[in-house]
C-alpha atoms as a PDB file:
ATOM      1  CA  MET A   1     -87.589  -2.934  36.763  1.00  0.00           C
ATOM      2  CA  LYS A   2     -87.622   1.253  36.211  1.00  0.00           C
ATOM      3  CA  HIS A   3     -87.533   2.139  32.454  1.00  0.00           C
ATOM      4  CA  HIS A   4     -84.137   2.588  31.480  1.00  0.00           C
ATOM      5  CA  SER A   5     -84.652   6.012  30.242  1.00  0.00           C
ATOM      6  CA  THR A   6     -84.478   6.897  34.288  1.00  0.00           C
ATOM      7  CA  ALA A   7     -80.832   6.275  34.419  1.00  0.00           C
ATOM      8  CA  ILE A   8     -77.947   9.067  33.713  1.00  0.00           C
ATOM      9  CA  GLY A   9     -74.658   8.816  32.815  1.00  0.00           C
ATOM     10  CA  LEU A  10     -72.691  12.151  34.243  1.00  0.00           C
ATOM     11  CA  ASP A  11     -68.815  13.069  32.788  1.00  0.00           C
ATOM     12  CA  VAL A  12     -67.859  15.586  35.471  1.00  0.00           C
ATOM     13  CA  GLY A  13     -64.453  16.895  33.603  1.00  0.00           C
ATOM     14  CA  THR A  14     -62.731  19.415  34.292  1.00  0.00           C
ATOM     15  CA  SER A  15     -62.762  21.528  31.087  1.00  0.00           C
ATOM     16  CA  ARG A  16     -66.399  20.123  29.840  1.00  0.00           C
ATOM     17  CA  ILE A  17     -69.621  18.452  31.664  1.00  0.00           C
ATOM     18  CA  VAL A  18     -71.286  15.660  29.583  1.00  0.00           C
ATOM     19  CA  VAL A  19     -75.028  14.669  30.660  1.00  0.00           C
ATOM     20  CA  ALA A  20     -75.856  10.887  28.616  1.00  0.00           C
ATOM     21  CA  ARG A  21     -79.661   9.798  28.491  1.00  0.00           C
ATOM     22  CA  ASN A  22     -80.985   6.960  26.942  1.00  0.00           C
ATOM     23  CA  THR A  23     -84.015   7.169  24.785  1.00  0.00           C
ATOM     24  CA  GLN A  24     -86.109   4.990  22.938  1.00  0.00           C
ATOM     25  CA  ASP A  25     -83.735   5.329  19.936  1.00  0.00           C
ATOM     26  CA  ASP A  26     -80.540   6.351  20.828  1.00  0.00           C
ATOM     27  CA  ILE A  27     -78.079   8.117  23.603  1.00  0.00           C
ATOM     28  CA  GLN A  28     -78.987  11.700  23.855  1.00  0.00           C
ATOM     29  CA  TYR A  29     -75.856  13.986  25.025  1.00  0.00           C
ATOM     30  CA  ASP A  30     -75.860  17.475  26.836  1.00  0.00           C
ATOM     31  CA  SER A  31     -72.694  18.969  27.155  1.00  0.00           C
ATOM     32  CA  HIS A  32     -71.594  22.300  28.791  1.00  0.00           C
ATOM     33  CA  LEU A  33     -68.403  24.261  29.674  1.00  0.00           C
ATOM     34  CA  ASN A  34     -67.318  23.412  33.187  1.00  0.00           C
ATOM     35  CA  ALA A  35     -66.878  27.534  33.562  1.00  0.00           C
ATOM     36  CA  PHE A  36     -67.730  30.722  34.584  1.00  0.00           C
ATOM     37  CA  VAL A  37     -66.942  34.523  34.656  1.00  0.00           C
ATOM     38  CA  ALA A  38     -68.513  37.550  36.141  1.00  0.00           C
ATOM     39  CA  ILE A  39     -70.129  40.509  34.519  1.00  0.00           C
ATOM     40  CA  PRO A  40     -71.050  43.706  36.082  1.00  0.00           C
ATOM     41  CA  TYR A  41     -74.751  43.565  37.569  1.00  0.00           C
ATOM     42  CA  SER A  42     -77.499  45.363  36.063  1.00  0.00           C
ATOM     43  CA  LYS A  43     -81.596  44.636  36.047  1.00  0.00           C
ATOM     44  CA  ILE A  44     -81.306  44.847  32.082  1.00  0.00           C
ATOM     45  CA  THR A  45     -78.382  42.602  31.600  1.00  0.00           C
ATOM     46  CA  GLU A  46     -80.456  40.081  34.176  1.00  0.00           C
ATOM     47  CA  GLY A  47     -83.631  40.269  32.162  1.00  0.00           C
ATOM     48  CA  VAL A  48     -81.856  39.750  28.813  1.00  0.00           C
ATOM     49  CA  LEU A  49     -80.120  36.561  30.459  1.00  0.00           C
ATOM     50  CA  GLN A  50     -83.643  35.263  31.792  1.00  0.00           C
ATOM     51  CA  ARG A  51     -85.199  35.761  28.361  1.00  0.00           C
ATOM     52  CA  GLU A  52     -82.177  34.427  25.980  1.00  0.00           C
ATOM     53  CA  ARG A  53     -82.569  31.367  29.112  1.00  0.00           C
ATOM     54  CA  ILE A  54     -78.491  31.771  29.484  1.00  0.00           C
ATOM     55  CA  PRO A  55     -77.439  30.122  32.468  1.00  0.00           C
ATOM     56  CA  HIS A  56     -76.498  32.254  35.526  1.00  0.00           C
ATOM     57  CA  THR A  57     -76.545  33.262  39.050  1.00  0.00           C
ATOM     58  CA  ALA A  58     -77.158  36.913  40.494  1.00  0.00           C
ATOM     59  CA  LEU A  59     -74.848  37.772  43.182  1.00  0.00           C
ATOM     60  CA  ALA A  60     -75.027  41.146  45.247  1.00  0.00           C
ATOM     61  CA  ASN A  61     -72.696  43.196  42.500  1.00  0.00           C
ATOM     62  CA  GLU A  62     -72.088  41.004  39.926  1.00  0.00           C
ATOM     63  CA  LEU A  63     -73.884  38.160  37.385  1.00  0.00           C
ATOM     64  CA  VAL A  64     -72.382  35.188  37.155  1.00  0.00           C
ATOM     65  CA  VAL A  65     -72.624  33.330  33.599  1.00  0.00           C
ATOM     66  CA  HIS A  66     -72.040  29.504  33.833  1.00  0.00           C
ATOM     67  CA  GLY A  67     -71.851  27.009  30.885  1.00  0.00           C
ATOM     68  CA  ASN A  68     -71.170  27.526  27.004  1.00  0.00           C
ATOM     69  CA  GLU A  69     -71.801  30.903  27.412  1.00  0.00           C
ATOM     70  CA  SER A  70     -69.300  32.007  29.490  1.00  0.00           C
ATOM     71  CA  GLU A  71     -66.895  31.580  26.568  1.00  0.00           C
ATOM     72  CA  LYS A  72     -68.278  34.418  24.640  1.00  0.00           C
ATOM     73  CA  PHE A  73     -68.744  36.732  27.442  1.00  0.00           C
ATOM     74  CA  ALA A  74     -64.921  36.246  28.622  1.00  0.00           C
ATOM     75  CA  GLY A  75     -64.154  37.251  25.110  1.00  0.00           C
ATOM     76  CA  LEU A  76     -66.297  40.313  25.104  1.00  0.00           C
ATOM     77  CA  LEU A  77     -64.656  41.408  28.027  1.00  0.00           C
ATOM     78  CA  ASN A  78     -61.007  40.157  27.398  1.00  0.00           C
ATOM     79  CA  ALA A  79     -61.116  38.361  30.513  1.00  0.00           C
ATOM     80  CA  GLU A  80     -60.229  34.318  31.378  1.00  0.00           C
ATOM     81  CA  ILE A  81     -62.910  32.114  32.090  1.00  0.00           C
ATOM     82  CA  ARG A  82     -62.603  31.104  35.401  1.00  0.00           C
ATOM     83  CA  ARG A  83     -63.230  26.669  36.174  1.00  0.00           C
ATOM     84  CA  PRO A  84     -64.646  25.342  39.337  1.00  0.00           C
ATOM     85  CA  MET A  85     -62.270  22.322  38.805  1.00  0.00           C
ATOM     86  CA  SER A  86     -58.308  22.102  38.212  1.00  0.00           C
ATOM     87  CA  GLU A  87     -56.871  18.458  37.401  1.00  0.00           C
ATOM     88  CA  GLY A  88     -59.979  16.784  37.715  1.00  0.00           C
ATOM     89  CA  ILE A  89     -60.969  17.879  40.803  1.00  0.00           C
ATOM     90  CA  LEU A  90     -62.597  20.477  42.399  1.00  0.00           C
ATOM     91  CA  ASP A  91     -60.072  23.424  42.758  1.00  0.00           C
ATOM     92  CA  PRO A  92     -59.477  24.819  46.061  1.00  0.00           C
ATOM     93  CA  LYS A  93     -57.568  27.757  44.909  1.00  0.00           C
ATOM     94  CA  GLU A  94     -61.085  28.972  43.583  1.00  0.00           C
ATOM     95  CA  PRO A  95     -63.241  30.352  46.121  1.00  0.00           C
ATOM     96  CA  GLU A  96     -66.558  29.976  44.332  1.00  0.00           C
ATOM     97  CA  SER A  97     -66.008  26.368  43.026  1.00  0.00           C
ATOM     98  CA  LEU A  98     -68.708  24.416  45.118  1.00  0.00           C
ATOM     99  CA  ARG A  99     -71.093  27.298  44.772  1.00  0.00           C
ATOM    100  CA  MET A 100     -70.667  27.176  40.588  1.00  0.00           C
ATOM    101  CA  MET A 101     -70.062  23.138  40.332  1.00  0.00           C
ATOM    102  CA  ARG A 102     -73.760  23.258  42.057  1.00  0.00           C
ATOM    103  CA  GLU A 103     -75.236  25.714  39.652  1.00  0.00           C
ATOM    104  CA  ILE A 104     -73.691  24.359  36.588  1.00  0.00           C
ATOM    105  CA  LEU A 105     -75.124  20.590  38.158  1.00  0.00           C
ATOM    106  CA  THR A 106     -78.429  21.969  38.818  1.00  0.00           C
ATOM    107  CA  SER A 107     -78.926  23.525  35.444  1.00  0.00           C
ATOM    108  CA  MET A 108     -77.965  20.569  33.626  1.00  0.00           C
ATOM    109  CA  LEU A 109     -79.787  18.054  35.359  1.00  0.00           C
ATOM    110  CA  LYS A 110     -83.342  17.712  36.333  1.00  0.00           C
ATOM    111  CA  GLU A 111     -84.511  18.172  39.965  1.00  0.00           C
ATOM    112  CA  HIS A 112     -86.062  14.832  41.384  1.00  0.00           C
ATOM    113  CA  SER A 113     -88.672  14.733  44.454  1.00  0.00           C
ATOM    114  CA  ALA A 114     -87.708  12.271  47.032  1.00  0.00           C
ATOM    115  CA  THR A 115     -90.078   9.183  45.892  1.00  0.00           C
ATOM    116  CA  ASP A 116     -88.152   9.304  42.642  1.00  0.00           C
ATOM    117  CA  ARG A 117     -84.389   8.962  42.704  1.00  0.00           C
ATOM    118  CA  PRO A 118     -83.278   8.042  39.432  1.00  0.00           C
ATOM    119  CA  LYS A 119     -79.672   6.521  39.013  1.00  0.00           C
ATOM    120  CA  LEU A 120     -76.912   8.580  37.991  1.00  0.00           C
ATOM    121  CA  CYS A 121     -73.440   7.038  37.607  1.00  0.00           C
ATOM    122  CA  PHE A 122     -70.912   9.939  37.637  1.00  0.00           C
ATOM    123  CA  THR A 123     -66.850   9.704  36.553  1.00  0.00           C
ATOM    124  CA  VAL A 124     -64.013  10.347  38.720  1.00  0.00           C
ATOM    125  CA  PRO A 125     -60.506  10.498  37.931  1.00  0.00           C
ATOM    126  CA  ALA A 126     -58.005   7.615  39.315  1.00  0.00           C
ATOM    127  CA  ALA A 127     -55.284   8.253  41.718  1.00  0.00           C
ATOM    128  CA  PRO A 128     -52.232  10.096  40.406  1.00  0.00           C
ATOM    129  CA  LEU A 129     -49.698   7.380  38.949  1.00  0.00           C
ATOM    130  CA  GLY A 130     -47.535   6.617  41.934  1.00  0.00           C
ATOM    131  CA  ALA A 131     -49.558   8.107  44.436  1.00  0.00           C
ATOM    132  CA  GLU A 132     -52.268   7.493  47.142  1.00  0.00           C
ATOM    133  CA  ASN A 133     -55.957   8.579  45.867  1.00  0.00           C
ATOM    134  CA  SER A 134     -56.439  12.362  47.124  1.00  0.00           C
ATOM    135  CA  HIS A 135     -59.911  12.940  45.310  1.00  0.00           C
ATOM    136  CA  THR A 136     -61.968  11.936  48.334  1.00  0.00           C
ATOM    137  CA  TYR A 137     -63.367  15.360  49.023  1.00  0.00           C
ATOM    138  CA  HIS A 138     -63.818  15.880  45.430  1.00  0.00           C
ATOM    139  CA  GLU A 139     -66.233  12.377  45.213  1.00  0.00           C
ATOM    140  CA  ALA A 140     -67.967  12.896  48.464  1.00  0.00           C
ATOM    141  CA  THR A 141     -68.927  16.784  47.204  1.00  0.00           C
ATOM    142  CA  VAL A 142     -70.192  15.807  44.008  1.00  0.00           C
ATOM    143  CA  ARG A 143     -72.095  12.807  45.425  1.00  0.00           C
ATOM    144  CA  GLU A 144     -73.483  15.159  48.115  1.00  0.00           C
ATOM    145  CA  ILE A 145     -74.456  17.923  45.634  1.00  0.00           C
ATOM    146  CA  LEU A 146     -76.286  14.736  43.196  1.00  0.00           C
ATOM    147  CA  THR A 147     -77.955  13.599  46.327  1.00  0.00           C
ATOM    148  CA  GLU A 148     -79.337  17.060  47.018  1.00  0.00           C
ATOM    149  CA  ILE A 149     -81.025  17.264  43.407  1.00  0.00           C
ATOM    150  CA  GLY A 150     -82.937  13.978  43.879  1.00  0.00           C
ATOM    151  CA  TYR A 151     -80.404  11.388  42.161  1.00  0.00           C
ATOM    152  CA  GLN A 152     -79.216   7.961  43.733  1.00  0.00           C
ATOM    153  CA  PRO A 153     -75.475   8.689  42.595  1.00  0.00           C
ATOM    154  CA  ILE A 154     -72.990   6.066  41.705  1.00  0.00           C
ATOM    155  CA  VAL A 155     -69.368   6.357  40.900  1.00  0.00           C
ATOM    156  CA  ILE A 156     -66.894   5.140  38.259  1.00  0.00           C
ATOM    157  CA  SER A 157     -63.599   5.620  37.327  1.00  0.00           C
ATOM    158  CA  GLU A 158     -62.980   7.771  34.122  1.00  0.00           C
ATOM    159  CA  GLY A 159     -60.725   5.596  32.500  1.00  0.00           C
ATOM    160  CA  LEU A 160     -63.256   2.165  33.120  1.00  0.00           C
ATOM    161  CA  ALA A 161     -66.128   4.183  31.890  1.00  0.00           C
ATOM    162  CA  VAL A 162     -64.024   4.416  28.333  1.00  0.00           C
ATOM    163  CA  VAL A 163     -63.966   0.410  28.603  1.00  0.00           C
ATOM    164  CA  TYR A 164     -67.486   0.541  29.205  1.00  0.00           C
ATOM    165  CA  SER A 165     -68.171   2.427  26.428  1.00  0.00           C
ATOM    166  CA  GLU A 166     -66.175   1.441  23.688  1.00  0.00           C
ATOM    167  CA  LEU A 167     -65.112  -2.549  24.337  1.00  0.00           C
ATOM    168  CA  GLU A 168     -68.244  -4.283  24.381  1.00  0.00           C
ATOM    169  CA  SER A 169     -66.952  -6.209  21.529  1.00  0.00           C
ATOM    170  CA  SER A 170     -64.161  -7.520  23.308  1.00  0.00           C
ATOM    171  CA  ASN A 171     -66.133  -8.497  26.595  1.00  0.00           C
ATOM    172  CA  TYR A 172     -64.879  -4.913  28.446  1.00  0.00           C
ATOM    173  CA  THR A 173     -60.978  -6.433  27.960  1.00  0.00           C
ATOM    174  CA  GLY A 174     -58.823  -3.543  26.837  1.00  0.00           C
ATOM    175  CA  ILE A 175     -57.516  -0.458  27.467  1.00  0.00           C
ATOM    176  CA  GLY A 176     -59.456   2.424  28.039  1.00  0.00           C
ATOM    177  CA  ILE A 177     -57.660   6.246  28.126  1.00  0.00           C
ATOM    178  CA  SER A 178     -59.420   9.775  28.381  1.00  0.00           C
ATOM    179  CA  CYS A 179     -57.438  12.710  27.610  1.00  0.00           C
ATOM    180  CA  GLY A 180     -59.597  15.398  28.703  1.00  0.00           C
ATOM    181  CA  GLY A 181     -58.479  19.029  30.085  1.00  0.00           C
ATOM    182  CA  GLY A 182     -57.102  18.211  33.740  1.00  0.00           C
ATOM    183  CA  LEU A 183     -55.857  14.793  33.635  1.00  0.00           C
ATOM    184  CA  CYS A 184     -55.156  11.777  31.336  1.00  0.00           C
ATOM    185  CA  ASN A 185     -56.800   8.734  32.793  1.00  0.00           C
ATOM    186  CA  VAL A 186     -56.263   5.275  32.133  1.00  0.00           C
ATOM    187  CA  CYS A 187     -57.642   1.875  32.633  1.00  0.00           C
ATOM    188  CA  LEU A 188     -56.594  -1.628  31.916  1.00  0.00           C
ATOM    189  CA  ALA A 189     -59.971  -3.952  32.550  1.00  0.00           C
ATOM    190  CA  TYR A 190     -59.982  -7.419  32.112  1.00  0.00           C
ATOM    191  CA  LEU A 191     -63.490  -8.849  31.608  1.00  0.00           C
ATOM    192  CA  SER A 192     -65.038  -5.493  33.144  1.00  0.00           C
ATOM    193  CA  VAL A 193     -62.886  -5.398  36.402  1.00  0.00           C
ATOM    194  CA  PRO A 194     -60.049  -2.824  36.278  1.00  0.00           C
ATOM    195  CA  VAL A 195     -56.979  -4.049  36.853  1.00  0.00           C
ATOM    196  CA  LEU A 196     -55.223  -1.272  36.770  1.00  0.00           C
ATOM    197  CA  SER A 197     -55.623   2.356  36.804  1.00  0.00           C
ATOM    198  CA  PHE A 198     -54.206   5.944  36.869  1.00  0.00           C
ATOM    199  CA  SER A 199     -54.204   9.577  36.051  1.00  0.00           C
ATOM    200  CA  LEU A 200     -51.770  12.013  34.917  1.00  0.00           C
ATOM    201  CA  ALA A 201     -51.440  15.817  35.233  1.00  0.00           C
ATOM    202  CA  LYS A 202     -50.298  16.492  32.124  1.00  0.00           C
ATOM    203  CA  ALA A 203     -53.484  17.173  29.525  1.00  0.00           C
ATOM    204  CA  GLY A 204     -55.436  20.097  27.728  1.00  0.00           C
ATOM    205  CA  ASP A 205     -54.605  22.609  30.310  1.00  0.00           C
ATOM    206  CA  PHE A 206     -51.395  21.681  30.449  1.00  0.00           C
ATOM    207  CA  ILE A 207     -50.604  22.292  26.635  1.00  0.00           C
ATOM    208  CA  ASP A 208     -52.564  25.611  26.978  1.00  0.00           C
ATOM    209  CA  SER A 209     -51.174  27.163  30.128  1.00  0.00           C
ATOM    210  CA  ASN A 210     -47.531  26.431  28.671  1.00  0.00           C
ATOM    211  CA  ALA A 211     -48.481  27.290  24.924  1.00  0.00           C
ATOM    212  CA  ALA A 212     -49.781  30.665  27.027  1.00  0.00           C
ATOM    213  CA  ALA A 213     -46.862  31.565  29.016  1.00  0.00           C
ATOM    214  CA  VAL A 214     -44.588  30.838  25.705  1.00  0.00           C
ATOM    215  CA  THR A 215     -46.578  33.131  23.064  1.00  0.00           C
ATOM    216  CA  GLY A 216     -48.159  35.659  25.447  1.00  0.00           C
ATOM    217  CA  GLU A 217     -51.535  35.008  24.676  1.00  0.00           C
ATOM    218  CA  ARG A 218     -54.461  33.974  26.943  1.00  0.00           C
ATOM    219  CA  ALA A 219     -54.730  30.069  27.665  1.00  0.00           C
ATOM    220  CA  ASN A 220     -58.314  30.756  26.651  1.00  0.00           C
ATOM    221  CA  ARG A 221     -57.317  31.949  22.973  1.00  0.00           C
ATOM    222  CA  ILE A 222     -54.792  28.997  22.833  1.00  0.00           C
ATOM    223  CA  ARG A 223     -57.172  26.245  23.855  1.00  0.00           C
ATOM    224  CA  LEU A 224     -59.961  27.622  20.710  1.00  0.00           C
ATOM    225  CA  ALA A 225     -56.877  27.342  18.485  1.00  0.00           C
ATOM    226  CA  LYS A 226     -56.047  23.918  19.588  1.00  0.00           C
ATOM    227  CA  GLU A 227     -59.717  22.845  19.319  1.00  0.00           C
ATOM    228  CA  ASP A 228     -60.353  25.315  15.807  1.00  0.00           C
ATOM    229  CA  SER A 229     -57.345  24.251  13.567  1.00  0.00           C
ATOM    230  CA  PHE A 230     -54.531  22.747  15.225  1.00  0.00           C
ATOM    231  CA  HIS A 231     -53.267  19.241  13.569  1.00  0.00           C
ATOM    232  CA  PHE A 232     -49.877  17.103  13.480  1.00  0.00           C
ATOM    233  CA  ASN A 233     -49.184  16.652   9.893  1.00  0.00           C
ATOM    234  CA  GLY A 234     -47.652  19.299   8.150  1.00  0.00           C
ATOM    235  CA  PHE A 235     -45.147  22.659   8.627  1.00  0.00           C
ATOM    236  CA  PHE A 236     -46.795  25.093  11.156  1.00  0.00           C
ATOM    237  CA  ALA A 237     -46.169  28.477   9.821  1.00  0.00           C
ATOM    238  CA  ASP A 238     -48.243  29.922  12.870  1.00  0.00           C
ATOM    239  CA  LYS A 239     -46.270  30.451  16.008  1.00  0.00           C
ATOM    240  CA  ILE A 240     -49.396  29.155  18.120  1.00  0.00           C
ATOM    241  CA  HIS A 241     -49.653  25.820  16.449  1.00  0.00           C
ATOM    242  CA  GLN A 242     -45.779  25.109  16.301  1.00  0.00           C
ATOM    243  CA  VAL A 243     -45.996  25.879  20.553  1.00  0.00           C
ATOM    244  CA  LEU A 244     -48.872  23.762  20.509  1.00  0.00           C
ATOM    245  CA  GLY A 245     -46.806  21.399  18.704  1.00  0.00           C
ATOM    246  CA  VAL A 246     -43.922  21.062  21.309  1.00  0.00           C
ATOM    247  CA  TYR A 247     -46.141  20.365  24.106  1.00  0.00           C
ATOM    248  CA  TYR A 248     -48.727  18.129  22.305  1.00  0.00           C
ATOM    249  CA  ALA A 249     -45.359  16.047  21.687  1.00  0.00           C
ATOM    250  CA  ASP A 250     -44.332  16.485  25.279  1.00  0.00           C
ATOM    251  CA  MET A 251     -47.576  15.433  26.913  1.00  0.00           C
ATOM    252  CA  ILE A 252     -47.805  12.194  24.340  1.00  0.00           C
ATOM    253  CA  LEU A 253     -44.280  11.297  25.579  1.00  0.00           C
ATOM    254  CA  SER A 254     -45.376  11.628  29.251  1.00  0.00           C
ATOM    255  CA  LEU A 255     -48.261   9.448  28.846  1.00  0.00           C
ATOM    256  CA  VAL A 256     -46.673   6.776  26.989  1.00  0.00           C
ATOM    257  CA  SER A 257     -43.662   6.836  29.204  1.00  0.00           C
ATOM    258  CA  ALA A 258     -46.595   6.475  32.265  1.00  0.00           C
ATOM    259  CA  LEU A 259     -48.132   3.659  30.685  1.00  0.00           C
ATOM    260  CA  LYS A 260     -44.732   1.951  30.408  1.00  0.00           C
ATOM    261  CA  GLU A 261     -44.149   2.354  34.049  1.00  0.00           C
ATOM    262  CA  ALA A 262     -47.564   1.548  35.484  1.00  0.00           C
ATOM    263  CA  PHE A 263     -47.222  -1.685  33.715  1.00  0.00           C
ATOM    264  CA  ALA A 264     -43.585  -2.823  34.364  1.00  0.00           C
ATOM    265  CA  ARG A 265     -44.461  -1.945  38.051  1.00  0.00           C
ATOM    266  CA  THR A 266     -47.548  -3.520  38.111  1.00  0.00           C
ATOM    267  CA  LYS A 267     -47.559  -7.665  39.178  1.00  0.00           C
ATOM    268  CA  THR A 268     -51.122  -8.092  38.680  1.00  0.00           C
ATOM    269  CA  ILE A 269     -51.520  -7.738  35.397  1.00  0.00           C
ATOM    270  CA  PRO A 270     -53.407 -11.379  33.782  1.00  0.00           C
ATOM    271  CA  GLN A 271     -51.449 -13.339  31.142  1.00  0.00           C
ATOM    272  CA  PHE A 272     -53.796 -12.294  27.860  1.00  0.00           C
ATOM    273  CA  SER A 273     -54.485 -15.012  25.777  1.00  0.00           C
ATOM    274  CA  LYS A 274     -54.339 -12.766  22.750  1.00  0.00           C
ATOM    275  CA  PRO A 275     -53.823  -9.135  21.998  1.00  0.00           C
ATOM    276  CA  ILE A 276     -55.987  -6.504  23.550  1.00  0.00           C
ATOM    277  CA  PRO A 277     -57.422  -3.285  22.210  1.00  0.00           C
ATOM    278  CA  MET A 278     -56.521   0.226  23.116  1.00  0.00           C
ATOM    279  CA  VAL A 279     -59.373   3.108  22.670  1.00  0.00           C
ATOM    280  CA  LEU A 280     -58.316   6.837  22.946  1.00  0.00           C
ATOM    281  CA  SER A 281     -60.773   9.472  23.912  1.00  0.00           C
ATOM    282  CA  GLY A 282     -61.184  12.946  25.218  1.00  0.00           C
ATOM    283  CA  GLY A 283     -60.949  16.388  23.845  1.00  0.00           C
ATOM    284  CA  THR A 284     -57.215  16.207  23.741  1.00  0.00           C
ATOM    285  CA  THR A 285     -57.301  13.471  20.990  1.00  0.00           C
ATOM    286  CA  LEU A 286     -59.223  15.301  18.712  1.00  0.00           C
ATOM    287  CA  PRO A 287     -56.292  17.264  16.659  1.00  0.00           C
ATOM    288  CA  PRO A 288     -56.338  15.247  13.304  1.00  0.00           C
ATOM    289  CA  GLY A 289     -52.997  13.055  13.298  1.00  0.00           C
ATOM    290  CA  PHE A 290     -53.219  12.845  17.306  1.00  0.00           C
ATOM    291  CA  ARG A 291     -53.818   8.792  17.239  1.00  0.00           C
ATOM    292  CA  ASP A 292     -50.895   8.121  14.283  1.00  0.00           C
ATOM    293  CA  ARG A 293     -48.623  10.386  16.495  1.00  0.00           C
ATOM    294  CA  PHE A 294     -49.516   8.771  19.857  1.00  0.00           C
ATOM    295  CA  GLU A 295     -49.246   5.236  18.283  1.00  0.00           C
ATOM    296  CA  LYS A 296     -45.850   6.185  16.733  1.00  0.00           C
ATOM    297  CA  VAL A 297     -44.420   7.085  20.121  1.00  0.00           C
ATOM    298  CA  LEU A 298     -45.337   4.097  21.785  1.00  0.00           C
ATOM    299  CA  GLY A 299     -44.309   1.737  19.354  1.00  0.00           C
ATOM    300  CA  GLU A 300     -40.972   3.379  19.906  1.00  0.00           C
ATOM    301  CA  GLN A 301     -41.282   2.109  23.567  1.00  0.00           C
ATOM    302  CA  ASP A 302     -41.087  -1.600  24.619  1.00  0.00           C
ATOM    303  CA  PHE A 303     -44.406  -1.771  25.464  1.00  0.00           C
ATOM    304  CA  PRO A 304     -45.067  -5.033  28.047  1.00  0.00           C
ATOM    305  CA  ILE A 305     -48.642  -5.806  26.383  1.00  0.00           C
ATOM    306  CA  ALA A 306     -49.433  -7.033  22.955  1.00  0.00           C
ATOM    307  CA  LEU A 307     -52.371  -4.939  21.618  1.00  0.00           C
ATOM    308  CA  SER A 308     -54.534  -5.934  18.892  1.00  0.00           C
ATOM    309  CA  GLU A 309     -55.694  -2.167  17.875  1.00  0.00           C
ATOM    310  CA  ILE A 310     -55.046   1.473  18.813  1.00  0.00           C
ATOM    311  CA  ARG A 311     -58.131   3.077  17.727  1.00  0.00           C
ATOM    312  CA  MET A 312     -60.088   6.414  18.859  1.00  0.00           C
ATOM    313  CA  ALA A 313     -63.542   6.438  20.580  1.00  0.00           C
ATOM    314  CA  GLU A 314     -66.754   6.436  18.427  1.00  0.00           C
ATOM    315  CA  ARG A 315     -67.364   9.631  20.063  1.00  0.00           C
ATOM    316  CA  PRO A 316     -64.189  10.929  22.098  1.00  0.00           C
ATOM    317  CA  LEU A 317     -66.071  13.887  23.702  1.00  0.00           C
ATOM    318  CA  GLN A 318     -69.213  11.595  24.684  1.00  0.00           C
ATOM    319  CA  ALA A 319     -67.338   8.789  25.281  1.00  0.00           C
ATOM    320  CA  THR A 320     -66.938   8.678  29.569  1.00  0.00           C
ATOM    321  CA  ALA A 321     -70.485   9.953  29.792  1.00  0.00           C
ATOM    322  CA  LYS A 322     -71.870   7.113  27.821  1.00  0.00           C
ATOM    323  CA  GLY A 323     -69.523   5.147  29.513  1.00  0.00           C
ATOM    324  CA  ALA A 324     -70.871   6.133  33.011  1.00  0.00           C
ATOM    325  CA  LEU A 325     -74.628   5.445  31.193  1.00  0.00           C
ATOM    326  CA  VAL A 326     -74.079   1.759  30.844  1.00  0.00           C
ATOM    327  CA  CYS A 327     -72.497   1.278  34.156  1.00  0.00           C
ATOM    328  CA  ALA A 328     -76.226   3.548  35.414  1.00  0.00           C
ATOM    329  CA  LEU A 329     -78.293   0.881  33.153  1.00  0.00           C
ATOM    330  CA  SER A 330     -76.473  -2.188  34.590  1.00  0.00           C
ATOM    331  CA  ASP A 331     -77.330  -1.230  38.176  1.00  0.00           C
ATOM    332  CA  LEU A 332     -80.882  -0.707  37.799  1.00  0.00           C
END
């Protein structure tokens, strides 16, 4: 059996890509924005980027900065960052989506030879609620990139990854929810087996784009305000925070309604002998008061499954990557 450190978990998120690696002492995480921005080309700039080890790609007439530094350059140029993915999958409207996805993944993952191919488990979104799975191209493309740079890729749905990350104490029985940038992903699992999975295209980007349209601000500035200072409790003196509150409320109500609808229409849900846990994760769940607001809205619905608790993941931003790592380790 190979040493456990050779396995990798990879959360391929619309907003961020997170890598989880096993070490002797703990799990090590590496996170980068899944984004890029083009800046004017010059040899001096290219040299500086190389010396500063800022991930970038040199094209004919421009330099494309990707990962975490893209946000700073977008702010300097008063431009929106561009992203390879939208609503959980590669964006067909972004001409550089495939190239940039390849560049970002290659910059975060060490390339391996044909004789040393570590197991890597990556996340994909579930099918939209009430629809067929339309993510075949996205999954196949990411798998191809990972294979080219020397890995043995396996796949896990994002919601199930949350279950694997957070619900070992209940023998992987419960509900895992990941609210990211592009989607909210939900999975009900019984003894590690996924019983019901779906996604909802109302998440962080929905909040950002709608709040930007109302306030006239750039979506990137809205996202930064959301991540830096938004909270659910108290009076909103700031218009941006007030608008964020409106769209957060819309998102939470939509997610709770989708949960109720999905569980009501599914006939294969097992009869649980006792209440089961629900875990919330993802960057969109981070504002203080999110869990309480979600629990309040869910409590106002006639939810068909008894819950023992609704809690936040131990590390909301890394939960899906950790769950993917657990999956990769189990496959060694």
